[in-house]
């Protein structure tokens, strides 16, 4: 979540995007990030430690399930 980004100005998305029927996936609000003046460039997201942690957590849980 970037508090300065109008596209993601809503903090809690879970109520807008419920899990699919039968899915155990739960949407959580990630730690805040600052993406500068060009928030929608992929490099701003992909180079943040917070993004790396989230991706790592997802991959770790996917490996644990296999």
PDB file of N, CA and C in Angstrom:
ATOM      1  N   UNK A   1       0.838  -1.159   0.000  1.00  0.00           N
ATOM      2  CA  UNK A   1       0.000   0.000   0.000  1.00  0.00           C
ATOM      3  C   UNK A   1       0.889   1.231   0.000  1.00  0.00           C
ATOM      4  N   UNK A   2       0.579   2.175  -0.863  1.00  0.00           N
ATOM      5  CA  UNK A   2       1.279   3.452  -0.921  1.00  0.00           C
ATOM      6  C   UNK A   2       0.252   4.536  -0.609  1.00  0.00           C
ATOM      7  N   UNK A   3       0.392   5.179   0.523  1.00  0.00           N
ATOM      8  CA  UNK A   3      -0.593   6.178   0.942  1.00  0.00           C
ATOM      9  C   UNK A   3      -0.683   7.363  -0.019  1.00  0.00           C
ATOM     10  N   UNK A   4       0.328   7.576  -0.836  1.00  0.00           N
ATOM     11  CA  UNK A   4       0.328   8.683  -1.788  1.00  0.00           C
ATOM     12  C   UNK A   4      -0.203   8.285  -3.161  1.00  0.00           C
ATOM     13  N   UNK A   5      -0.612   7.071  -3.334  1.00  0.00           N
ATOM     14  CA  UNK A   5      -1.073   6.557  -4.621  1.00  0.00           C
ATOM     15  C   UNK A   5      -2.598   6.480  -4.607  1.00  0.00           C
ATOM     16  N   UNK A   6      -3.241   7.312  -5.408  1.00  0.00           N
ATOM     17  CA  UNK A   6      -4.704   7.342  -5.404  1.00  0.00           C
ATOM     18  C   UNK A   6      -5.322   6.028  -5.857  1.00  0.00           C
ATOM     19  N   UNK A   7      -4.612   5.276  -6.676  1.00  0.00           N
ATOM     20  CA  UNK A   7      -5.134   3.991  -7.124  1.00  0.00           C
ATOM     21  C   UNK A   7      -5.251   3.021  -5.959  1.00  0.00           C
ATOM     22  N   UNK A   8      -4.315   3.087  -5.035  1.00  0.00           N
ATOM     23  CA  UNK A   8      -4.367   2.188  -3.880  1.00  0.00           C
ATOM     24  C   UNK A   8      -4.634   2.964  -2.590  1.00  0.00           C
ATOM     25  N   UNK A   9      -5.456   3.993  -2.688  1.00  0.00           N
ATOM     26  CA  UNK A   9      -5.739   4.827  -1.521  1.00  0.00           C
ATOM     27  C   UNK A   9      -6.562   4.085  -0.468  1.00  0.00           C
ATOM     28  N   UNK A  10      -7.294   3.095  -0.880  1.00  0.00           N
ATOM     29  CA  UNK A  10      -8.069   2.311   0.083  1.00  0.00           C
ATOM     30  C   UNK A  10      -7.124   1.360   0.800  1.00  0.00           C
ATOM     31  N   UNK A  11      -7.165   1.366   2.108  1.00  0.00           N
ATOM     32  CA  UNK A  11      -6.221   0.570   2.884  1.00  0.00           C
ATOM     33  C   UNK A  11      -6.649  -0.885   2.994  1.00  0.00           C
ATOM     34  N   UNK A  12      -7.929  -1.143   3.161  1.00  0.00           N
ATOM     35  CA  UNK A  12      -8.405  -2.514   3.353  1.00  0.00           C
ATOM     36  C   UNK A  12      -9.148  -2.991   2.113  1.00  0.00           C
ATOM     37  N   UNK A  13      -8.500  -3.846   1.333  1.00  0.00           N
ATOM     38  CA  UNK A  13      -9.093  -4.356   0.113  1.00  0.00           C
ATOM     39  C   UNK A  13      -9.878  -5.639   0.325  1.00  0.00           C
ATOM     40  N   UNK A  14      -9.713  -6.290   1.455  1.00  0.00           N
ATOM     41  CA  UNK A  14     -10.331  -7.607   1.678  1.00  0.00           C
ATOM     42  C   UNK A  14     -11.846  -7.567   1.509  1.00  0.00           C
ATOM     43  N   UNK A  15     -12.476  -6.505   1.940  1.00  0.00           N
ATOM     44  CA  UNK A  15     -13.935  -6.450   1.826  1.00  0.00           C
ATOM     45  C   UNK A  15     -14.390  -6.274   0.367  1.00  0.00           C
ATOM     46  N   UNK A  16     -13.506  -5.769  -0.488  1.00  0.00           N
ATOM     47  CA  UNK A  16     -13.838  -5.617  -1.904  1.00  0.00           C
ATOM     48  C   UNK A  16     -13.529  -6.873  -2.716  1.00  0.00           C
ATOM     49  N   UNK A  17     -12.566  -7.659  -2.235  1.00  0.00           N
ATOM     50  CA  UNK A  17     -12.109  -8.836  -2.965  1.00  0.00           C
ATOM     51  C   UNK A  17     -12.159 -10.066  -2.069  1.00  0.00           C
ATOM     52  N   UNK A  18     -13.346 -10.614  -1.854  1.00  0.00           N
ATOM     53  CA  UNK A  18     -13.442 -11.808  -1.008  1.00  0.00           C
ATOM     54  C   UNK A  18     -12.767 -13.000  -1.686  1.00  0.00           C
ATOM     55  N   UNK A  19     -12.361 -13.959  -0.887  1.00  0.00           N
ATOM     56  CA  UNK A  19     -11.727 -15.171  -1.419  1.00  0.00           C
ATOM     57  C   UNK A  19     -12.706 -15.936  -2.298  1.00  0.00           C
ATOM     58  N   UNK A  20     -12.169 -16.617  -3.271  1.00  0.00           N
ATOM     59  CA  UNK A  20     -13.006 -17.445  -4.143  1.00  0.00           C
ATOM     60  C   UNK A  20     -13.613 -18.590  -3.333  1.00  0.00           C
ATOM     61  N   UNK A  21     -14.735 -19.075  -3.763  1.00  0.00           N
ATOM     62  CA  UNK A  21     -15.406 -20.181  -3.081  1.00  0.00           C
ATOM     63  C   UNK A  21     -14.450 -21.365  -3.001  1.00  0.00           C
ATOM     64  N   UNK A  22     -14.267 -21.890  -1.812  1.00  0.00           N
ATOM     65  CA  UNK A  22     -13.395 -23.029  -1.599  1.00  0.00           C
ATOM     66  C   UNK A  22     -11.924 -22.675  -1.443  1.00  0.00           C
ATOM     67  N   UNK A  23     -11.595 -21.409  -1.526  1.00  0.00           N
ATOM     68  CA  UNK A  23     -10.197 -20.983  -1.421  1.00  0.00           C
ATOM     69  C   UNK A  23      -9.855 -20.629   0.015  1.00  0.00           C
ATOM     70  N   UNK A  24      -8.633 -20.955   0.400  1.00  0.00           N
ATOM     71  CA  UNK A  24      -8.152 -20.592   1.731  1.00  0.00           C
ATOM     72  C   UNK A  24      -7.332 -19.301   1.682  1.00  0.00           C
ATOM     73  N   UNK A  25      -7.230 -18.701   0.505  1.00  0.00           N
ATOM     74  CA  UNK A  25      -6.449 -17.476   0.341  1.00  0.00           C
ATOM     75  C   UNK A  25      -7.165 -16.324   1.020  1.00  0.00           C
ATOM     76  N   UNK A  26      -6.429 -15.562   1.816  1.00  0.00           N
ATOM     77  CA  UNK A  26      -6.983 -14.412   2.510  1.00  0.00           C
ATOM     78  C   UNK A  26      -6.158 -13.191   2.135  1.00  0.00           C
ATOM     79  N   UNK A  27      -6.814 -12.151   1.647  1.00  0.00           N
ATOM     80  CA  UNK A  27      -6.139 -10.925   1.286  1.00  0.00           C
ATOM     81  C   UNK A  27      -5.761 -10.173   2.557  1.00  0.00           C
ATOM     82  N   UNK A  28      -4.518  -9.769   2.664  1.00  0.00           N
ATOM     83  CA  UNK A  28      -4.064  -9.004   3.826  1.00  0.00           C
ATOM     84  C   UNK A  28      -3.457  -7.696   3.350  1.00  0.00           C
ATOM     85  N   UNK A  29      -3.515  -6.693   4.206  1.00  0.00           N
ATOM     86  CA  UNK A  29      -2.898  -5.417   3.896  1.00  0.00           C
ATOM     87  C   UNK A  29      -1.414  -5.531   4.181  1.00  0.00           C
ATOM     88  N   UNK A  30      -0.620  -5.308   3.151  1.00  0.00           N
ATOM     89  CA  UNK A  30       0.833  -5.414   3.278  1.00  0.00           C
ATOM     90  C   UNK A  30       1.400  -4.170   3.957  1.00  0.00           C
ATOM     91  N   UNK A  31       2.658  -4.256   4.376  1.00  0.00           N
ATOM     92  CA  UNK A  31       3.281  -3.077   4.985  1.00  0.00           C
ATOM     93  C   UNK A  31       3.294  -1.913   3.996  1.00  0.00           C
ATOM     94  N   UNK A  32       3.188  -0.684   4.508  1.00  0.00           N
ATOM     95  CA  UNK A  32       3.218   0.481   3.612  1.00  0.00           C
ATOM     96  C   UNK A  32       4.555   0.586   2.877  1.00  0.00           C
ATOM     97  N   UNK A  33       4.491   1.077   1.653  1.00  0.00           N
ATOM     98  CA  UNK A  33       5.695   1.337   0.867  1.00  0.00           C
ATOM     99  C   UNK A  33       5.585   2.727   0.269  1.00  0.00           C
ATOM    100  N   UNK A  34       6.711   3.306  -0.093  1.00  0.00           N
ATOM    101  CA  UNK A  34       6.735   4.583  -0.790  1.00  0.00           C
ATOM    102  C   UNK A  34       7.265   4.337  -2.189  1.00  0.00           C
ATOM    103  N   UNK A  35       6.483   4.668  -3.198  1.00  0.00           N
ATOM    104  CA  UNK A  35       6.882   4.387  -4.564  1.00  0.00           C
ATOM    105  C   UNK A  35       7.292   5.626  -5.352  1.00  0.00           C
ATOM    106  N   UNK A  36       7.496   6.731  -4.682  1.00  0.00           N
ATOM    107  CA  UNK A  36       7.987   7.927  -5.359  1.00  0.00           C
ATOM    108  C   UNK A  36       6.967   8.547  -6.306  1.00  0.00           C
ATOM    109  N   UNK A  37       7.465   9.310  -7.269  1.00  0.00           N
ATOM    110  CA  UNK A  37       6.585  10.074  -8.154  1.00  0.00           C
ATOM    111  C   UNK A  37       6.040   9.258  -9.318  1.00  0.00           C
ATOM    112  N   UNK A  38       6.540   8.049  -9.511  1.00  0.00           N
ATOM    113  CA  UNK A  38       6.042   7.182 -10.590  1.00  0.00           C
ATOM    114  C   UNK A  38       5.651   5.831  -9.991  1.00  0.00           C
ATOM    115  N   UNK A  39       4.558   5.816  -9.227  1.00  0.00           N
ATOM    116  CA  UNK A  39       4.221   4.630  -8.442  1.00  0.00           C
ATOM    117  C   UNK A  39       3.838   3.396  -9.235  1.00  0.00           C
ATOM    118  N   UNK A  40       3.514   3.528 -10.507  1.00  0.00           N
ATOM    119  CA  UNK A  40       3.052   2.354 -11.243  1.00  0.00           C
ATOM    120  C   UNK A  40       4.114   1.736 -12.135  1.00  0.00           C
ATOM    121  N   UNK A  41       5.353   2.180 -12.009  1.00  0.00           N
ATOM    122  CA  UNK A  41       6.434   1.523 -12.720  1.00  0.00           C
ATOM    123  C   UNK A  41       6.831   0.283 -11.926  1.00  0.00           C
ATOM    124  N   UNK A  42       6.944  -0.829 -12.594  1.00  0.00           N
ATOM    125  CA  UNK A  42       7.220  -2.099 -11.918  1.00  0.00           C
ATOM    126  C   UNK A  42       8.506  -2.060 -11.097  1.00  0.00           C
ATOM    127  N   UNK A  43       9.510  -1.341 -11.567  1.00  0.00           N
ATOM    128  CA  UNK A  43      10.788  -1.316 -10.842  1.00  0.00           C
ATOM    129  C   UNK A  43      10.642  -0.728  -9.447  1.00  0.00           C
ATOM    130  N   UNK A  44       9.701   0.175  -9.276  1.00  0.00           N
ATOM    131  CA  UNK A  44       9.501   0.742  -7.930  1.00  0.00           C
ATOM    132  C   UNK A  44       8.971  -0.310  -6.965  1.00  0.00           C
ATOM    133  N   UNK A  45       8.116  -1.192  -7.450  1.00  0.00           N
ATOM    134  CA  UNK A  45       7.570  -2.241  -6.593  1.00  0.00           C
ATOM    135  C   UNK A  45       8.563  -3.384  -6.412  1.00  0.00           C
ATOM    136  N   UNK A  46       9.177  -3.784  -7.499  1.00  0.00           N
ATOM    137  CA  UNK A  46      10.021  -4.978  -7.470  1.00  0.00           C
ATOM    138  C   UNK A  46      11.350  -4.778  -6.755  1.00  0.00           C
ATOM    139  N   UNK A  47      11.750  -3.542  -6.530  1.00  0.00           N
ATOM    140  CA  UNK A  47      13.028  -3.292  -5.854  1.00  0.00           C
ATOM    141  C   UNK A  47      12.866  -2.978  -4.372  1.00  0.00           C
ATOM    142  N   UNK A  48      11.657  -3.004  -3.857  1.00  0.00           N
ATOM    143  CA  UNK A  48      11.409  -2.708  -2.439  1.00  0.00           C
ATOM    144  C   UNK A  48      11.579  -3.960  -1.586  1.00  0.00           C
ATOM    145  N   UNK A  49      12.275  -3.840  -0.452  1.00  0.00           N
ATOM    146  CA  UNK A  49      12.411  -4.989   0.454  1.00  0.00           C
ATOM    147  C   UNK A  49      11.052  -5.560   0.889  1.00  0.00           C
ATOM    148  N   UNK A  50      10.063  -4.694   1.104  1.00  0.00           N
ATOM    149  CA  UNK A  50       8.743  -5.179   1.521  1.00  0.00           C
ATOM    150  C   UNK A  50       8.132  -6.070   0.454  1.00  0.00           C
ATOM    151  N   UNK A  51       8.316  -5.720  -0.809  1.00  0.00           N
ATOM    152  CA  UNK A  51       7.798  -6.547  -1.900  1.00  0.00           C
ATOM    153  C   UNK A  51       8.517  -7.886  -1.929  1.00  0.00           C
ATOM    154  N   UNK A  52       9.823  -7.855  -1.753  1.00  0.00           N
ATOM    155  CA  UNK A  52      10.602  -9.091  -1.729  1.00  0.00           C
ATOM    156  C   UNK A  52      10.153 -10.021  -0.618  1.00  0.00           C
ATOM    157  N   UNK A  53       9.850  -9.447   0.552  1.00  0.00           N
ATOM    158  CA  UNK A  53       9.376 -10.269   1.674  1.00  0.00           C
ATOM    159  C   UNK A  53       8.039 -10.924   1.339  1.00  0.00           C
ATOM    160  N   UNK A  54       7.147 -10.167   0.725  1.00  0.00           N
ATOM    161  CA  UNK A  54       5.831 -10.702   0.386  1.00  0.00           C
ATOM    162  C   UNK A  54       5.969 -11.823  -0.638  1.00  0.00           C
ATOM    163  N   UNK A  55       6.771 -11.594  -1.674  1.00  0.00           N
ATOM    164  CA  UNK A  55       6.978 -12.618  -2.696  1.00  0.00           C
ATOM    165  C   UNK A  55       7.617 -13.855  -2.076  1.00  0.00           C
ATOM    166  N   UNK A  56       8.595 -13.643  -1.202  1.00  0.00           N
ATOM    167  CA  UNK A  56       9.264 -14.755  -0.535  1.00  0.00           C
ATOM    168  C   UNK A  56       8.284 -15.553   0.318  1.00  0.00           C
ATOM    169  N   UNK A  57       7.427 -14.861   1.063  1.00  0.00           N
ATOM    170  CA  UNK A  57       6.431 -15.545   1.896  1.00  0.00           C
ATOM    171  C   UNK A  57       5.492 -16.399   1.042  1.00  0.00           C
ATOM    172  N   UNK A  58       5.049 -15.855  -0.086  1.00  0.00           N
ATOM    173  CA  UNK A  58       4.147 -16.596  -0.968  1.00  0.00           C
ATOM    174  C   UNK A  58       4.850 -17.835  -1.526  1.00  0.00           C
ATOM    175  N   UNK A  59       6.074 -17.649  -1.994  1.00  0.00           N
ATOM    176  CA  UNK A  59       6.809 -18.793  -2.551  1.00  0.00           C
ATOM    177  C   UNK A  59       7.103 -19.846  -1.487  1.00  0.00           C
ATOM    178  N   UNK A  60       7.466 -19.402  -0.271  1.00  0.00           N
ATOM    179  CA  UNK A  60       7.715 -20.352   0.813  1.00  0.00           C
ATOM    180  C   UNK A  60       6.459 -21.168   1.127  1.00  0.00           C
ATOM    181  N   UNK A  61       5.313 -20.503   1.168  1.00  0.00           N
ATOM    182  CA  UNK A  61       4.081 -21.231   1.488  1.00  0.00           C
ATOM    183  C   UNK A  61       3.700 -22.173   0.350  1.00  0.00           C
ATOM    184  N   UNK A  62       3.978 -21.785  -0.893  1.00  0.00           N
ATOM    185  CA  UNK A  62       3.673 -22.665  -2.023  1.00  0.00           C
ATOM    186  C   UNK A  62       4.568 -23.912  -1.988  1.00  0.00           C
ATOM    187  N   UNK A  63       5.826 -23.744  -1.639  1.00  0.00           N
ATOM    188  CA  UNK A  63       6.736 -24.885  -1.555  1.00  0.00           C
ATOM    189  C   UNK A  63       6.331 -25.804  -0.398  1.00  0.00           C
ATOM    190  N   UNK A  64       5.905 -25.199   0.709  1.00  0.00           N
ATOM    191  CA  UNK A  64       5.507 -25.989   1.885  1.00  0.00           C
ATOM    192  C   UNK A  64       4.272 -26.843   1.596  1.00  0.00           C
ATOM    193  N   UNK A  65       3.430 -26.385   0.668  1.00  0.00           N
ATOM    194  CA  UNK A  65       2.204 -27.108   0.342  1.00  0.00           C
ATOM    195  C   UNK A  65       2.460 -28.257  -0.632  1.00  0.00           C
ATOM    196  N   UNK A  66       3.642 -28.296  -1.246  1.00  0.00           N
ATOM    197  CA  UNK A  66       3.898 -29.348  -2.231  1.00  0.00           C
ATOM    198  C   UNK A  66       4.568 -30.547  -1.597  1.00  0.00           C
TER     199      UNK A  66
END
